[in-house]
Amino acid sequence: MPQLWLETKVTPDGEKVLSDYYHRRELGEEGLQLELDEYYDERGWDIETSHPTSGKLAEMVLDRT
């Protein structure tokens, strides 16, 4: 995840928020999880474990033993 995403700011009500890469929208915990899920999915990784899927490993000619 880009380091810029990890920069937090505090809203007027005291909530810490992250922003997207372009600082155009704020990402709460739910938004960040959605971004992370999309990141894993686009790369062929399992969303639950954050590990490459068997299909991705086969595509890369790697064996996960």
N, C-alpha and C. Protein backbone atom coordinates (compact mmCIF):
# COMPACT_ATOMS: atom_id res chain seq x y z
N MET A 1 0.85 -1.16 0.00
CA MET A 1 0.00 0.00 0.00
C MET A 1 0.90 1.23 0.00
N PRO A 2 0.58 2.23 -0.82
CA PRO A 2 1.43 3.43 -0.86
C PRO A 2 1.53 4.10 0.50
N GLN A 3 2.71 4.56 0.82
CA GLN A 3 2.94 5.21 2.11
C GLN A 3 2.02 6.41 2.32
N LEU A 4 1.68 7.11 1.22
CA LEU A 4 0.79 8.27 1.34
C LEU A 4 -0.55 7.90 1.94
N TRP A 5 -1.01 6.66 1.72
CA TRP A 5 -2.30 6.23 2.27
C TRP A 5 -2.25 6.15 3.78
N LEU A 6 -1.07 6.01 4.32
CA LEU A 6 -0.94 5.83 5.76
C LEU A 6 -0.85 7.14 6.51
N GLU A 7 -0.84 8.26 5.79
CA GLU A 7 -0.84 9.56 6.44
C GLU A 7 -2.25 9.85 6.93
N THR A 8 -2.36 10.13 8.19
CA THR A 8 -3.68 10.36 8.76
C THR A 8 -3.92 11.84 8.99
N LYS A 9 -5.16 12.19 9.02
CA LYS A 9 -5.54 13.52 9.48
C LYS A 9 -6.70 13.34 10.44
N VAL A 10 -6.97 14.35 11.21
CA VAL A 10 -8.03 14.27 12.21
C VAL A 10 -9.18 15.17 11.77
N THR A 11 -10.39 14.60 11.75
CA THR A 11 -11.58 15.35 11.39
C THR A 11 -11.97 16.26 12.56
N PRO A 12 -12.86 17.22 12.33
CA PRO A 12 -13.30 18.10 13.42
C PRO A 12 -13.88 17.37 14.64
N ASP A 13 -14.45 16.17 14.42
CA ASP A 13 -14.99 15.42 15.56
C ASP A 13 -13.97 14.47 16.19
N GLY A 14 -12.70 14.59 15.77
CA GLY A 14 -11.63 13.83 16.40
C GLY A 14 -11.34 12.47 15.79
N GLU A 15 -12.03 12.12 14.70
CA GLU A 15 -11.80 10.82 14.06
C GLU A 15 -10.57 10.89 13.15
N LYS A 16 -9.71 9.90 13.26
CA LYS A 16 -8.54 9.83 12.37
C LYS A 16 -8.97 9.17 11.07
N VAL A 17 -8.57 9.75 9.95
CA VAL A 17 -8.93 9.19 8.65
C VAL A 17 -7.71 9.15 7.74
N LEU A 18 -7.77 8.24 6.82
CA LEU A 18 -6.76 8.13 5.76
C LEU A 18 -7.36 8.69 4.49
N SER A 19 -6.53 9.01 3.53
CA SER A 19 -7.05 9.47 2.25
C SER A 19 -6.59 8.54 1.16
N ASP A 20 -7.26 8.61 0.01
CA ASP A 20 -6.81 7.80 -1.12
C ASP A 20 -5.49 8.38 -1.65
N TYR A 21 -4.94 7.71 -2.63
CA TYR A 21 -3.62 8.07 -3.17
C TYR A 21 -3.57 9.52 -3.62
N TYR A 22 -4.64 10.00 -4.20
CA TYR A 22 -4.66 11.35 -4.75
C TYR A 22 -5.21 12.38 -3.75
N HIS A 23 -5.46 11.96 -2.54
CA HIS A 23 -6.01 12.82 -1.48
C HIS A 23 -7.31 13.49 -1.91
N ARG A 24 -8.11 12.78 -2.71
CA ARG A 24 -9.39 13.31 -3.16
C ARG A 24 -10.55 12.86 -2.28
N ARG A 25 -10.39 11.75 -1.59
CA ARG A 25 -11.46 11.29 -0.71
C ARG A 25 -10.85 10.65 0.53
N GLU A 26 -11.59 10.73 1.59
CA GLU A 26 -11.14 10.15 2.85
C GLU A 26 -11.53 8.68 2.90
N LEU A 27 -10.68 7.89 3.51
CA LEU A 27 -10.94 6.47 3.66
C LEU A 27 -11.04 6.14 5.14
N GLY A 28 -12.21 5.72 5.56
CA GLY A 28 -12.36 5.21 6.91
C GLY A 28 -11.91 3.76 6.92
N GLU A 29 -12.13 3.09 8.02
CA GLU A 29 -11.71 1.70 8.13
C GLU A 29 -12.36 0.83 7.05
N GLU A 30 -13.65 1.04 6.82
CA GLU A 30 -14.36 0.25 5.81
C GLU A 30 -13.82 0.53 4.40
N GLY A 31 -13.59 1.79 4.09
CA GLY A 31 -13.07 2.16 2.77
C GLY A 31 -11.68 1.60 2.53
N LEU A 32 -10.85 1.63 3.56
CA LEU A 32 -9.50 1.08 3.43
C LEU A 32 -9.56 -0.43 3.21
N GLN A 33 -10.47 -1.12 3.91
CA GLN A 33 -10.60 -2.56 3.72
C GLN A 33 -11.04 -2.88 2.29
N LEU A 34 -11.95 -2.08 1.75
CA LEU A 34 -12.39 -2.29 0.36
C LEU A 34 -11.23 -2.09 -0.61
N GLU A 35 -10.41 -1.07 -0.38
CA GLU A 35 -9.25 -0.83 -1.23
C GLU A 35 -8.29 -2.02 -1.15
N LEU A 36 -8.07 -2.52 0.04
CA LEU A 36 -7.17 -3.65 0.23
C LEU A 36 -7.71 -4.91 -0.43
N ASP A 37 -9.01 -5.15 -0.29
CA ASP A 37 -9.64 -6.31 -0.94
C ASP A 37 -9.49 -6.23 -2.46
N GLU A 38 -9.70 -5.05 -3.03
CA GLU A 38 -9.53 -4.87 -4.47
C GLU A 38 -8.09 -5.11 -4.89
N TYR A 39 -7.14 -4.65 -4.09
CA TYR A 39 -5.72 -4.85 -4.35
C TYR A 39 -5.40 -6.34 -4.43
N TYR A 40 -5.86 -7.10 -3.43
CA TYR A 40 -5.61 -8.54 -3.42
C TYR A 40 -6.29 -9.23 -4.60
N ASP A 41 -7.53 -8.88 -4.86
CA ASP A 41 -8.29 -9.50 -5.94
C ASP A 41 -7.63 -9.26 -7.30
N GLU A 42 -7.19 -8.04 -7.55
CA GLU A 42 -6.55 -7.71 -8.83
C GLU A 42 -5.27 -8.49 -9.04
N ARG A 43 -4.62 -8.90 -7.98
CA ARG A 43 -3.36 -9.63 -8.08
C ARG A 43 -3.52 -11.13 -7.99
N GLY A 44 -4.76 -11.60 -7.80
CA GLY A 44 -4.99 -13.04 -7.71
C GLY A 44 -4.66 -13.60 -6.34
N TRP A 45 -4.81 -12.80 -5.31
CA TRP A 45 -4.54 -13.24 -3.95
C TRP A 45 -5.86 -13.49 -3.24
N ASP A 46 -5.83 -14.36 -2.26
CA ASP A 46 -7.01 -14.64 -1.45
C ASP A 46 -7.27 -13.45 -0.51
N ILE A 47 -8.48 -12.93 -0.55
CA ILE A 47 -8.82 -11.76 0.26
C ILE A 47 -8.78 -12.07 1.75
N GLU A 48 -9.16 -13.27 2.13
CA GLU A 48 -9.19 -13.63 3.56
C GLU A 48 -7.81 -13.84 4.16
N THR A 49 -6.90 -14.47 3.40
CA THR A 49 -5.59 -14.81 3.95
C THR A 49 -4.48 -13.87 3.50
N SER A 50 -4.73 -13.11 2.46
CA SER A 50 -3.74 -12.22 1.82
C SER A 50 -2.58 -12.98 1.19
N HIS A 51 -2.81 -14.26 0.89
CA HIS A 51 -1.79 -15.08 0.22
C HIS A 51 -2.19 -15.27 -1.24
N PRO A 52 -1.21 -15.47 -2.11
CA PRO A 52 -1.56 -15.79 -3.50
C PRO A 52 -2.40 -17.06 -3.57
N THR A 53 -3.39 -17.07 -4.46
CA THR A 53 -4.22 -18.27 -4.62
C THR A 53 -3.42 -19.36 -5.32
N SER A 54 -3.92 -20.59 -5.24
CA SER A 54 -3.26 -21.70 -5.94
C SER A 54 -3.19 -21.42 -7.43
N GLY A 55 -4.26 -20.83 -7.97
CA GLY A 55 -4.28 -20.49 -9.39
C GLY A 55 -3.20 -19.48 -9.75
N LYS A 56 -2.99 -18.49 -8.90
CA LYS A 56 -1.95 -17.49 -9.15
C LYS A 56 -0.58 -18.12 -9.06
N LEU A 57 -0.37 -19.00 -8.08
CA LEU A 57 0.91 -19.68 -7.96
C LEU A 57 1.18 -20.56 -9.17
N ALA A 58 0.15 -21.26 -9.66
CA ALA A 58 0.31 -22.10 -10.85
C ALA A 58 0.64 -21.23 -12.06
N GLU A 59 -0.02 -20.09 -12.16
CA GLU A 59 0.24 -19.16 -13.26
C GLU A 59 1.69 -18.67 -13.22
N MET A 60 2.23 -18.52 -12.03
CA MET A 60 3.60 -18.05 -11.86
C MET A 60 4.59 -19.23 -11.87
N VAL A 61 4.08 -20.43 -12.04
CA VAL A 61 4.87 -21.67 -12.03
C VAL A 61 5.60 -21.82 -10.70
N LEU A 62 4.85 -21.61 -9.62
CA LEU A 62 5.36 -21.81 -8.27
C LEU A 62 4.46 -22.82 -7.58
N ASP A 63 5.02 -23.58 -6.70
CA ASP A 63 4.24 -24.55 -5.94
C ASP A 63 4.30 -24.15 -4.47
N ARG A 64 3.17 -24.14 -3.84
CA ARG A 64 3.09 -23.73 -2.44
C ARG A 64 3.03 -24.98 -1.56
N THR A 65 4.16 -25.56 -1.28
CA THR A 65 4.22 -26.75 -0.43
C THR A 65 4.99 -26.48 0.82
